[in-house]
Amino acid sequence: MEHSRLFVDSTGVEWEVYDETRWSIAWALDWEYPPQPDNPGLLFDSSVGRRRIFPCPANWQSLSDAELEELLAHARSLT
């Protein structure tokens, strides 16, 4: 299974989505954000900001771009 996925939202912003359960310490240091092992979520990264939503849906890799954008709309800003 992939650790991340790219999608473009309806405004044309490209987001990279990460499964927090698959995070390494290197990613955490790069993001300056510690992974939340007790409550893992999805992390969204783009040129306009970073966001997190939890819990991480088990089927997130198979969601459509529109479904990921809906999750993104409910995600909490990390920046």
N, C-alpha and C. Protein backbone atom coordinates (compact mmCIF):
# COMPACT_ATOMS: atom_id res chain seq x y z
N MET A 1 0.85 -1.19 0.00
CA MET A 1 0.00 0.00 0.00
C MET A 1 0.89 1.25 0.00
N GLU A 2 0.47 2.24 -0.73
CA GLU A 2 1.20 3.49 -0.80
C GLU A 2 1.07 4.27 0.51
N HIS A 3 2.08 5.10 0.77
CA HIS A 3 2.07 5.93 1.97
C HIS A 3 1.42 7.28 1.73
N SER A 4 1.30 7.68 0.47
CA SER A 4 0.70 8.97 0.16
C SER A 4 -0.01 8.91 -1.18
N ARG A 5 -0.78 9.97 -1.41
CA ARG A 5 -1.54 10.06 -2.66
C ARG A 5 -1.71 11.54 -3.01
N LEU A 6 -1.67 11.84 -4.30
CA LEU A 6 -1.89 13.20 -4.79
C LEU A 6 -3.30 13.33 -5.34
N PHE A 7 -3.89 14.51 -5.11
CA PHE A 7 -5.13 14.84 -5.79
C PHE A 7 -5.21 16.36 -5.94
N VAL A 8 -6.01 16.79 -6.89
CA VAL A 8 -6.21 18.22 -7.14
C VAL A 8 -7.64 18.56 -6.75
N ASP A 9 -7.78 19.60 -5.89
CA ASP A 9 -9.12 19.97 -5.44
C ASP A 9 -9.84 20.79 -6.50
N SER A 10 -11.08 21.15 -6.23
CA SER A 10 -11.90 21.85 -7.22
C SER A 10 -11.43 23.27 -7.52
N THR A 11 -10.51 23.80 -6.71
CA THR A 11 -9.95 25.13 -6.98
C THR A 11 -8.61 25.06 -7.70
N GLY A 12 -8.15 23.83 -8.00
CA GLY A 12 -6.90 23.64 -8.72
C GLY A 12 -5.68 23.47 -7.84
N VAL A 13 -5.86 23.38 -6.52
CA VAL A 13 -4.73 23.18 -5.61
C VAL A 13 -4.40 21.69 -5.52
N GLU A 14 -3.11 21.36 -5.69
CA GLU A 14 -2.66 19.98 -5.56
C GLU A 14 -2.34 19.68 -4.11
N TRP A 15 -2.89 18.59 -3.61
CA TRP A 15 -2.68 18.15 -2.23
C TRP A 15 -2.02 16.79 -2.23
N GLU A 16 -1.07 16.60 -1.32
CA GLU A 16 -0.52 15.27 -1.07
C GLU A 16 -1.10 14.81 0.26
N VAL A 17 -1.66 13.61 0.26
CA VAL A 17 -2.34 13.06 1.44
C VAL A 17 -1.48 11.93 1.99
N TYR A 18 -1.25 11.98 3.31
CA TYR A 18 -0.43 10.99 3.98
C TYR A 18 -1.24 10.25 5.03
N ASP A 19 -1.02 8.97 5.13
CA ASP A 19 -1.60 8.13 6.17
C ASP A 19 -0.68 8.22 7.39
N GLU A 20 -1.17 8.80 8.46
CA GLU A 20 -0.34 9.04 9.64
C GLU A 20 0.13 7.74 10.31
N THR A 21 -0.56 6.63 10.09
CA THR A 21 -0.12 5.37 10.68
C THR A 21 1.17 4.87 10.04
N ARG A 22 1.50 5.40 8.89
CA ARG A 22 2.70 4.98 8.16
C ARG A 22 3.86 5.95 8.31
N TRP A 23 3.70 6.95 9.17
CA TRP A 23 4.72 7.98 9.30
C TRP A 23 5.97 7.47 9.96
N SER A 24 7.09 8.06 9.54
CA SER A 24 8.38 7.79 10.16
C SER A 24 8.82 9.04 10.93
N ILE A 25 9.83 8.90 11.73
CA ILE A 25 10.36 10.04 12.47
C ILE A 25 10.90 11.09 11.50
N ALA A 26 11.44 10.67 10.37
CA ALA A 26 11.96 11.62 9.38
C ALA A 26 10.85 12.52 8.85
N TRP A 27 9.69 11.94 8.56
CA TRP A 27 8.56 12.76 8.11
C TRP A 27 8.13 13.73 9.19
N ALA A 28 8.07 13.24 10.43
CA ALA A 28 7.66 14.10 11.54
C ALA A 28 8.61 15.28 11.69
N LEU A 29 9.89 15.05 11.55
CA LEU A 29 10.87 16.13 11.65
C LEU A 29 10.73 17.11 10.50
N ASP A 30 10.48 16.59 9.31
CA ASP A 30 10.30 17.46 8.14
C ASP A 30 9.07 18.34 8.31
N TRP A 31 8.03 17.81 8.87
CA TRP A 31 6.78 18.55 9.04
C TRP A 31 6.78 19.40 10.30
N GLU A 32 7.71 19.12 11.22
CA GLU A 32 7.72 19.77 12.53
C GLU A 32 6.38 19.54 13.23
N TYR A 33 5.88 18.34 13.06
CA TYR A 33 4.59 17.94 13.63
C TYR A 33 4.70 16.47 14.04
N PRO A 34 4.52 16.16 15.30
CA PRO A 34 4.65 14.76 15.72
C PRO A 34 3.44 13.93 15.30
N PRO A 35 3.68 12.71 14.81
CA PRO A 35 2.55 11.83 14.49
C PRO A 35 1.76 11.52 15.76
N GLN A 36 0.51 11.25 15.58
CA GLN A 36 -0.39 10.96 16.71
C GLN A 36 -0.72 9.47 16.71
N PRO A 37 0.14 8.63 17.30
CA PRO A 37 -0.07 7.18 17.21
C PRO A 37 -1.34 6.69 17.91
N ASP A 38 -1.82 7.42 18.91
CA ASP A 38 -3.02 7.00 19.61
C ASP A 38 -4.30 7.36 18.87
N ASN A 39 -4.20 8.27 17.91
CA ASN A 39 -5.37 8.72 17.17
C ASN A 39 -4.93 9.11 15.75
N PRO A 40 -4.43 8.13 14.97
CA PRO A 40 -3.88 8.46 13.65
C PRO A 40 -4.94 9.00 12.69
N GLY A 41 -4.49 9.86 11.83
CA GLY A 41 -5.39 10.48 10.87
C GLY A 41 -4.78 10.57 9.48
N LEU A 42 -5.40 11.40 8.67
CA LEU A 42 -4.87 11.73 7.35
C LEU A 42 -4.32 13.14 7.42
N LEU A 43 -3.17 13.33 6.80
CA LEU A 43 -2.54 14.63 6.73
C LEU A 43 -2.55 15.10 5.28
N PHE A 44 -2.94 16.34 5.09
CA PHE A 44 -3.04 16.95 3.77
C PHE A 44 -1.99 18.05 3.67
N ASP A 45 -1.19 18.02 2.61
CA ASP A 45 -0.13 19.01 2.44
C ASP A 45 -0.25 19.64 1.06
N SER A 46 -0.13 20.99 1.01
CA SER A 46 -0.18 21.71 -0.26
C SER A 46 0.59 23.01 -0.12
N SER A 47 0.64 23.76 -1.20
CA SER A 47 1.29 25.07 -1.17
C SER A 47 0.50 26.09 -0.36
N VAL A 48 -0.76 25.78 -0.05
CA VAL A 48 -1.60 26.72 0.71
C VAL A 48 -1.76 26.33 2.18
N GLY A 49 -1.17 25.21 2.58
CA GLY A 49 -1.24 24.85 3.98
C GLY A 49 -1.23 23.36 4.22
N ARG A 50 -1.28 23.03 5.50
CA ARG A 50 -1.32 21.64 5.95
C ARG A 50 -2.52 21.46 6.85
N ARG A 51 -3.16 20.30 6.71
CA ARG A 51 -4.36 20.01 7.50
C ARG A 51 -4.34 18.55 7.95
N ARG A 52 -5.13 18.27 8.99
CA ARG A 52 -5.23 16.91 9.53
C ARG A 52 -6.68 16.62 9.87
N ILE A 53 -7.08 15.37 9.56
CA ILE A 53 -8.39 14.88 9.97
C ILE A 53 -8.22 13.49 10.54
N PHE A 54 -9.00 13.18 11.56
CA PHE A 54 -8.96 11.84 12.12
C PHE A 54 -10.36 11.41 12.48
N PRO A 55 -10.58 10.13 12.51
CA PRO A 55 -9.63 9.06 12.26
C PRO A 55 -9.35 8.88 10.76
N CYS A 56 -8.32 8.14 10.49
CA CYS A 56 -7.95 7.85 9.10
C CYS A 56 -8.89 6.77 8.56
N PRO A 57 -9.66 7.09 7.52
CA PRO A 57 -10.54 6.05 6.95
C PRO A 57 -9.72 4.89 6.39
N ALA A 58 -10.12 3.69 6.69
CA ALA A 58 -9.38 2.50 6.23
C ALA A 58 -9.29 2.44 4.71
N ASN A 59 -10.28 2.97 4.03
CA ASN A 59 -10.33 2.89 2.56
C ASN A 59 -9.89 4.19 1.88
N TRP A 60 -9.13 5.03 2.54
CA TRP A 60 -8.82 6.35 2.01
C TRP A 60 -8.16 6.30 0.64
N GLN A 61 -7.37 5.27 0.36
CA GLN A 61 -6.68 5.17 -0.94
C GLN A 61 -7.67 4.98 -2.08
N SER A 62 -8.82 4.39 -1.81
CA SER A 62 -9.78 4.13 -2.88
C SER A 62 -10.84 5.22 -2.99
N LEU A 63 -10.79 6.25 -2.14
CA LEU A 63 -11.76 7.34 -2.24
C LEU A 63 -11.53 8.15 -3.50
N SER A 64 -12.58 8.70 -4.04
CA SER A 64 -12.45 9.58 -5.21
C SER A 64 -11.83 10.91 -4.76
N ASP A 65 -11.37 11.69 -5.72
CA ASP A 65 -10.84 13.01 -5.40
C ASP A 65 -11.90 13.87 -4.71
N ALA A 66 -13.14 13.77 -5.15
CA ALA A 66 -14.23 14.53 -4.53
C ALA A 66 -14.43 14.11 -3.07
N GLU A 67 -14.32 12.82 -2.80
CA GLU A 67 -14.46 12.33 -1.42
C GLU A 67 -13.29 12.81 -0.55
N LEU A 68 -12.09 12.81 -1.11
CA LEU A 68 -10.94 13.33 -0.36
C LEU A 68 -11.11 14.82 -0.10
N GLU A 69 -11.64 15.54 -1.08
CA GLU A 69 -11.86 16.98 -0.88
C GLU A 69 -12.90 17.23 0.22
N GLU A 70 -13.88 16.36 0.33
CA GLU A 70 -14.87 16.49 1.40
C GLU A 70 -14.20 16.29 2.76
N LEU A 71 -13.31 15.31 2.87
CA LEU A 71 -12.56 15.12 4.12
C LEU A 71 -11.70 16.36 4.40
N LEU A 72 -11.05 16.86 3.36
CA LEU A 72 -10.20 18.05 3.49
C LEU A 72 -10.98 19.23 4.03
N ALA A 73 -12.22 19.38 3.59
CA ALA A 73 -13.05 20.51 4.05
C ALA A 73 -13.31 20.46 5.55
N HIS A 74 -13.21 19.27 6.15
CA HIS A 74 -13.45 19.11 7.58
C HIS A 74 -12.15 18.98 8.38
N ALA A 75 -11.02 19.02 7.68
CA ALA A 75 -9.73 18.85 8.34
C ALA A 75 -9.30 20.12 9.08
N ARG A 76 -8.57 19.91 10.17
CA ARG A 76 -8.08 21.02 11.01
C ARG A 76 -6.75 21.52 10.45
N SER A 77 -6.58 22.82 10.40
CA SER A 77 -5.35 23.43 9.89
C SER A 77 -4.19 23.17 10.86
N LEU A 78 -3.02 22.86 10.30
CA LEU A 78 -1.82 22.67 11.08
C LEU A 78 -0.85 23.84 10.91
N THR A 79 -1.21 24.80 10.07
CA THR A 79 -0.30 25.93 9.82
C THR A 79 -0.94 27.24 10.24
